């Protein structure tokens, strides 16, 4: 069986080089104007807007978000929290619950006993404890188990 099928056959979306270039620019700066991106991609602002609108309509671009810098916020305490949910809690529900916490750096659904693994950053252990308690009060969340990072070895 060949794995070199077109993206559309694999459930993906085919993109041309211009689309990839626009996505790369958006990935670096989601607040860049269409005119700024157009200068970098050698397109008019109108052409950039049409392409990005098309990428949004196709679901390639699902939204724009703010990425906080935990170091600049003074959030130097890190933890990984295993989240255990009540039965039939969909990943979308977990995402909706976690998305409201700026302290959540990343989150994944995982195999094994926990339903999700959450990476948190906080100012100190008191802040960390408060965030974990607020997460545990979310609908669908049953319990959690935390591991606080002592030192970073890699990454």
C-alpha atoms as a PDB file:
ATOM      1  CA  UNK A   1       0.000   0.000   0.000  1.00  0.00           C
ATOM      2  CA  UNK A   2       1.448   3.352  -1.031  1.00  0.00           C
ATOM      3  CA  UNK A   3       1.457   6.252   1.416  1.00  0.00           C
ATOM      4  CA  UNK A   4       2.172   8.804  -1.293  1.00  0.00           C
ATOM      5  CA  UNK A   5      -1.491   9.488  -2.054  1.00  0.00           C
ATOM      6  CA  UNK A   6      -2.657  13.077  -2.434  1.00  0.00           C
ATOM      7  CA  UNK A   7      -3.648  14.827   0.829  1.00  0.00           C
ATOM      8  CA  UNK A   8      -7.328  14.843  -0.172  1.00  0.00           C
ATOM      9  CA  UNK A   9      -7.350  11.028  -0.200  1.00  0.00           C
ATOM     10  CA  UNK A  10      -5.734  10.932   3.227  1.00  0.00           C
ATOM     11  CA  UNK A  11      -8.370  13.197   4.750  1.00  0.00           C
ATOM     12  CA  UNK A  12      -6.110  16.255   4.506  1.00  0.00           C
ATOM     13  CA  UNK A  13      -6.395  19.452   2.525  1.00  0.00           C
ATOM     14  CA  UNK A  14      -4.120  20.114  -0.400  1.00  0.00           C
ATOM     15  CA  UNK A  15      -2.281  23.430  -0.208  1.00  0.00           C
ATOM     16  CA  UNK A  16      -0.199  25.184  -2.803  1.00  0.00           C
ATOM     17  CA  UNK A  17       3.114  26.901  -2.050  1.00  0.00           C
ATOM     18  CA  UNK A  18       1.439  30.301  -1.656  1.00  0.00           C
ATOM     19  CA  UNK A  19      -0.989  28.898   0.934  1.00  0.00           C
ATOM     20  CA  UNK A  20       1.941  27.368   2.826  1.00  0.00           C
ATOM     21  CA  UNK A  21       3.811  30.676   2.724  1.00  0.00           C
ATOM     22  CA  UNK A  22       0.782  32.586   4.051  1.00  0.00           C
ATOM     23  CA  UNK A  23       0.315  30.041   6.847  1.00  0.00           C
ATOM     24  CA  UNK A  24       3.993  30.301   7.767  1.00  0.00           C
ATOM     25  CA  UNK A  25       3.683  34.103   8.052  1.00  0.00           C
ATOM     26  CA  UNK A  26       0.473  33.806  10.095  1.00  0.00           C
ATOM     27  CA  UNK A  27       2.145  31.237  12.335  1.00  0.00           C
ATOM     28  CA  UNK A  28       4.937  33.682  13.109  1.00  0.00           C
ATOM     29  CA  UNK A  29       2.656  36.684  13.603  1.00  0.00           C
ATOM     30  CA  UNK A  30      -1.093  36.111  13.691  1.00  0.00           C
ATOM     31  CA  UNK A  31      -1.647  39.865  14.027  1.00  0.00           C
ATOM     32  CA  UNK A  32       0.184  40.770  10.818  1.00  0.00           C
ATOM     33  CA  UNK A  33      -1.969  42.769   8.424  1.00  0.00           C
ATOM     34  CA  UNK A  34      -2.937  41.435   5.012  1.00  0.00           C
ATOM     35  CA  UNK A  35      -0.759  44.175   3.518  1.00  0.00           C
ATOM     36  CA  UNK A  36       2.288  43.082   5.566  1.00  0.00           C
ATOM     37  CA  UNK A  37       1.798  39.447   4.600  1.00  0.00           C
ATOM     38  CA  UNK A  38       1.206  40.489   0.993  1.00  0.00           C
ATOM     39  CA  UNK A  39       4.567  42.269   0.866  1.00  0.00           C
ATOM     40  CA  UNK A  40       6.310  39.118   2.089  1.00  0.00           C
ATOM     41  CA  UNK A  41       4.338  36.842  -0.257  1.00  0.00           C
ATOM     42  CA  UNK A  42       4.352  39.185  -3.281  1.00  0.00           C
ATOM     43  CA  UNK A  43       0.536  39.442  -3.276  1.00  0.00           C
ATOM     44  CA  UNK A  44      -1.946  42.268  -2.861  1.00  0.00           C
ATOM     45  CA  UNK A  45      -3.677  42.653   0.496  1.00  0.00           C
ATOM     46  CA  UNK A  46      -6.957  41.697  -1.216  1.00  0.00           C
ATOM     47  CA  UNK A  47      -5.462  38.477  -2.594  1.00  0.00           C
ATOM     48  CA  UNK A  48      -4.060  37.586   0.837  1.00  0.00           C
ATOM     49  CA  UNK A  49      -7.449  38.211   2.442  1.00  0.00           C
ATOM     50  CA  UNK A  50      -9.242  36.015  -0.133  1.00  0.00           C
ATOM     51  CA  UNK A  51      -6.775  33.166   0.395  1.00  0.00           C
ATOM     52  CA  UNK A  52      -6.924  33.372   4.192  1.00  0.00           C
ATOM     53  CA  UNK A  53     -10.731  33.534   4.095  1.00  0.00           C
ATOM     54  CA  UNK A  54     -10.691  30.417   1.900  1.00  0.00           C
ATOM     55  CA  UNK A  55      -8.321  28.650   4.329  1.00  0.00           C
ATOM     56  CA  UNK A  56     -10.637  29.565   7.220  1.00  0.00           C
ATOM     57  CA  UNK A  57     -13.697  28.317   5.317  1.00  0.00           C
ATOM     58  CA  UNK A  58     -11.919  25.000   4.629  1.00  0.00           C
ATOM     59  CA  UNK A  59     -11.037  24.657   8.324  1.00  0.00           C
ATOM     60  CA  UNK A  60      -7.276  24.900   7.815  1.00  0.00           C
ATOM     61  CA  UNK A  61      -7.201  28.060   9.939  1.00  0.00           C
ATOM     62  CA  UNK A  62      -9.518  27.513  12.897  1.00  0.00           C
ATOM     63  CA  UNK A  63      -8.891  30.764  14.683  1.00  0.00           C
ATOM     64  CA  UNK A  64      -6.385  33.214  16.051  1.00  0.00           C
ATOM     65  CA  UNK A  65      -5.146  33.265  19.610  1.00  0.00           C
ATOM     66  CA  UNK A  66      -2.816  35.033  21.990  1.00  0.00           C
ATOM     67  CA  UNK A  67       0.273  33.138  23.123  1.00  0.00           C
ATOM     68  CA  UNK A  68       1.463  34.361  26.511  1.00  0.00           C
ATOM     69  CA  UNK A  69       5.113  34.260  27.528  1.00  0.00           C
ATOM     70  CA  UNK A  70       5.121  32.621  30.978  1.00  0.00           C
ATOM     71  CA  UNK A  71       8.646  33.872  31.737  1.00  0.00           C
ATOM     72  CA  UNK A  72       7.672  37.522  31.179  1.00  0.00           C
ATOM     73  CA  UNK A  73       4.604  37.029  33.375  1.00  0.00           C
ATOM     74  CA  UNK A  74       6.836  35.671  36.125  1.00  0.00           C
ATOM     75  CA  UNK A  75       5.234  32.231  35.912  1.00  0.00           C
ATOM     76  CA  UNK A  76       8.279  30.141  36.738  1.00  0.00           C
ATOM     77  CA  UNK A  77       6.533  27.262  38.514  1.00  0.00           C
ATOM     78  CA  UNK A  78       5.657  24.424  36.143  1.00  0.00           C
ATOM     79  CA  UNK A  79       3.545  21.331  36.598  1.00  0.00           C
ATOM     80  CA  UNK A  80       2.106  18.507  34.580  1.00  0.00           C
ATOM     81  CA  UNK A  81      -1.396  17.583  35.664  1.00  0.00           C
ATOM     82  CA  UNK A  82      -3.118  14.333  34.801  1.00  0.00           C
ATOM     83  CA  UNK A  83      -6.838  15.030  34.464  1.00  0.00           C
ATOM     84  CA  UNK A  84      -9.394  12.311  35.046  1.00  0.00           C
ATOM     85  CA  UNK A  85     -12.879  12.980  33.692  1.00  0.00           C
ATOM     86  CA  UNK A  86     -16.331  11.666  34.394  1.00  0.00           C
ATOM     87  CA  UNK A  87     -17.685   9.103  31.936  1.00  0.00           C
ATOM     88  CA  UNK A  88     -18.511  10.318  28.467  1.00  0.00           C
ATOM     89  CA  UNK A  89     -16.624  13.602  28.702  1.00  0.00           C
ATOM     90  CA  UNK A  90     -15.725  14.428  25.119  1.00  0.00           C
ATOM     91  CA  UNK A  91     -12.333  15.925  24.218  1.00  0.00           C
ATOM     92  CA  UNK A  92     -14.160  19.057  23.040  1.00  0.00           C
ATOM     93  CA  UNK A  93     -15.574  19.495  26.555  1.00  0.00           C
ATOM     94  CA  UNK A  94     -12.119  19.105  28.094  1.00  0.00           C
ATOM     95  CA  UNK A  95     -10.768  21.660  25.623  1.00  0.00           C
ATOM     96  CA  UNK A  96     -13.564  24.121  26.401  1.00  0.00           C
ATOM     97  CA  UNK A  97     -12.853  23.791  30.126  1.00  0.00           C
ATOM     98  CA  UNK A  98      -9.085  24.212  29.821  1.00  0.00           C
ATOM     99  CA  UNK A  99      -9.125  26.974  27.225  1.00  0.00           C
ATOM    100  CA  UNK A 100     -10.301  29.535  29.799  1.00  0.00           C
ATOM    101  CA  UNK A 101      -7.127  29.207  31.902  1.00  0.00           C
ATOM    102  CA  UNK A 102      -4.202  31.345  30.695  1.00  0.00           C
ATOM    103  CA  UNK A 103      -1.893  29.226  32.876  1.00  0.00           C
ATOM    104  CA  UNK A 104      -2.463  26.209  30.592  1.00  0.00           C
ATOM    105  CA  UNK A 105       0.548  26.083  28.287  1.00  0.00           C
ATOM    106  CA  UNK A 106      -0.505  22.911  26.460  1.00  0.00           C
ATOM    107  CA  UNK A 107      -2.887  19.994  26.863  1.00  0.00           C
ATOM    108  CA  UNK A 108      -3.248  16.594  25.253  1.00  0.00           C
ATOM    109  CA  UNK A 109      -5.668  13.695  25.387  1.00  0.00           C
ATOM    110  CA  UNK A 110      -3.654  10.588  26.224  1.00  0.00           C
ATOM    111  CA  UNK A 111      -3.852   6.832  26.449  1.00  0.00           C
ATOM    112  CA  UNK A 112      -3.821   5.099  29.823  1.00  0.00           C
ATOM    113  CA  UNK A 113      -5.730   5.987  32.969  1.00  0.00           C
ATOM    114  CA  UNK A 114      -5.839   9.789  32.737  1.00  0.00           C
ATOM    115  CA  UNK A 115      -8.029  11.372  30.075  1.00  0.00           C
ATOM    116  CA  UNK A 116      -5.760  14.366  29.510  1.00  0.00           C
ATOM    117  CA  UNK A 117      -2.319  15.662  30.380  1.00  0.00           C
ATOM    118  CA  UNK A 118      -2.091  19.390  31.069  1.00  0.00           C
ATOM    119  CA  UNK A 119       1.070  21.521  31.218  1.00  0.00           C
ATOM    120  CA  UNK A 120       0.637  24.480  33.581  1.00  0.00           C
ATOM    121  CA  UNK A 121       2.786  27.508  34.394  1.00  0.00           C
ATOM    122  CA  UNK A 122       2.175  29.616  37.503  1.00  0.00           C
ATOM    123  CA  UNK A 123       3.893  32.275  39.588  1.00  0.00           C
ATOM    124  CA  UNK A 124       4.380  29.998  42.588  1.00  0.00           C
ATOM    125  CA  UNK A 125       2.912  26.920  44.270  1.00  0.00           C
ATOM    126  CA  UNK A 126       0.026  28.921  45.759  1.00  0.00           C
ATOM    127  CA  UNK A 127      -0.951  30.170  42.283  1.00  0.00           C
ATOM    128  CA  UNK A 128      -0.492  26.642  40.903  1.00  0.00           C
ATOM    129  CA  UNK A 129      -2.728  25.153  43.597  1.00  0.00           C
ATOM    130  CA  UNK A 130      -5.447  27.719  42.900  1.00  0.00           C
ATOM    131  CA  UNK A 131      -5.412  26.944  39.168  1.00  0.00           C
ATOM    132  CA  UNK A 132      -5.558  23.194  39.763  1.00  0.00           C
ATOM    133  CA  UNK A 133      -8.492  23.646  42.151  1.00  0.00           C
ATOM    134  CA  UNK A 134     -10.342  25.781  39.584  1.00  0.00           C
ATOM    135  CA  UNK A 135      -9.722  23.124  36.910  1.00  0.00           C
ATOM    136  CA  UNK A 136     -11.030  20.414  39.241  1.00  0.00           C
ATOM    137  CA  UNK A 137     -14.281  22.367  39.700  1.00  0.00           C
ATOM    138  CA  UNK A 138     -14.971  22.311  35.962  1.00  0.00           C
ATOM    139  CA  UNK A 139     -17.938  20.192  34.795  1.00  0.00           C
ATOM    140  CA  UNK A 140     -16.769  16.803  33.616  1.00  0.00           C
ATOM    141  CA  UNK A 141     -13.553  16.829  35.650  1.00  0.00           C
ATOM    142  CA  UNK A 142     -13.520  14.198  38.363  1.00  0.00           C
ATOM    143  CA  UNK A 143     -10.008  14.426  39.805  1.00  0.00           C
ATOM    144  CA  UNK A 144      -6.413  15.234  38.981  1.00  0.00           C
ATOM    145  CA  UNK A 145      -2.889  14.176  39.842  1.00  0.00           C
ATOM    146  CA  UNK A 146      -0.027  16.664  39.633  1.00  0.00           C
ATOM    147  CA  UNK A 147       3.728  16.561  39.218  1.00  0.00           C
ATOM    148  CA  UNK A 148       5.617  19.792  39.834  1.00  0.00           C
ATOM    149  CA  UNK A 149       8.723  20.364  37.708  1.00  0.00           C
ATOM    150  CA  UNK A 150      11.888  20.734  39.789  1.00  0.00           C
ATOM    151  CA  UNK A 151      14.336  21.424  36.955  1.00  0.00           C
ATOM    152  CA  UNK A 152      14.301  21.259  33.164  1.00  0.00           C
ATOM    153  CA  UNK A 153      16.761  18.766  31.728  1.00  0.00           C
ATOM    154  CA  UNK A 154      16.014  19.136  28.010  1.00  0.00           C
ATOM    155  CA  UNK A 155      13.948  21.689  26.091  1.00  0.00           C
END
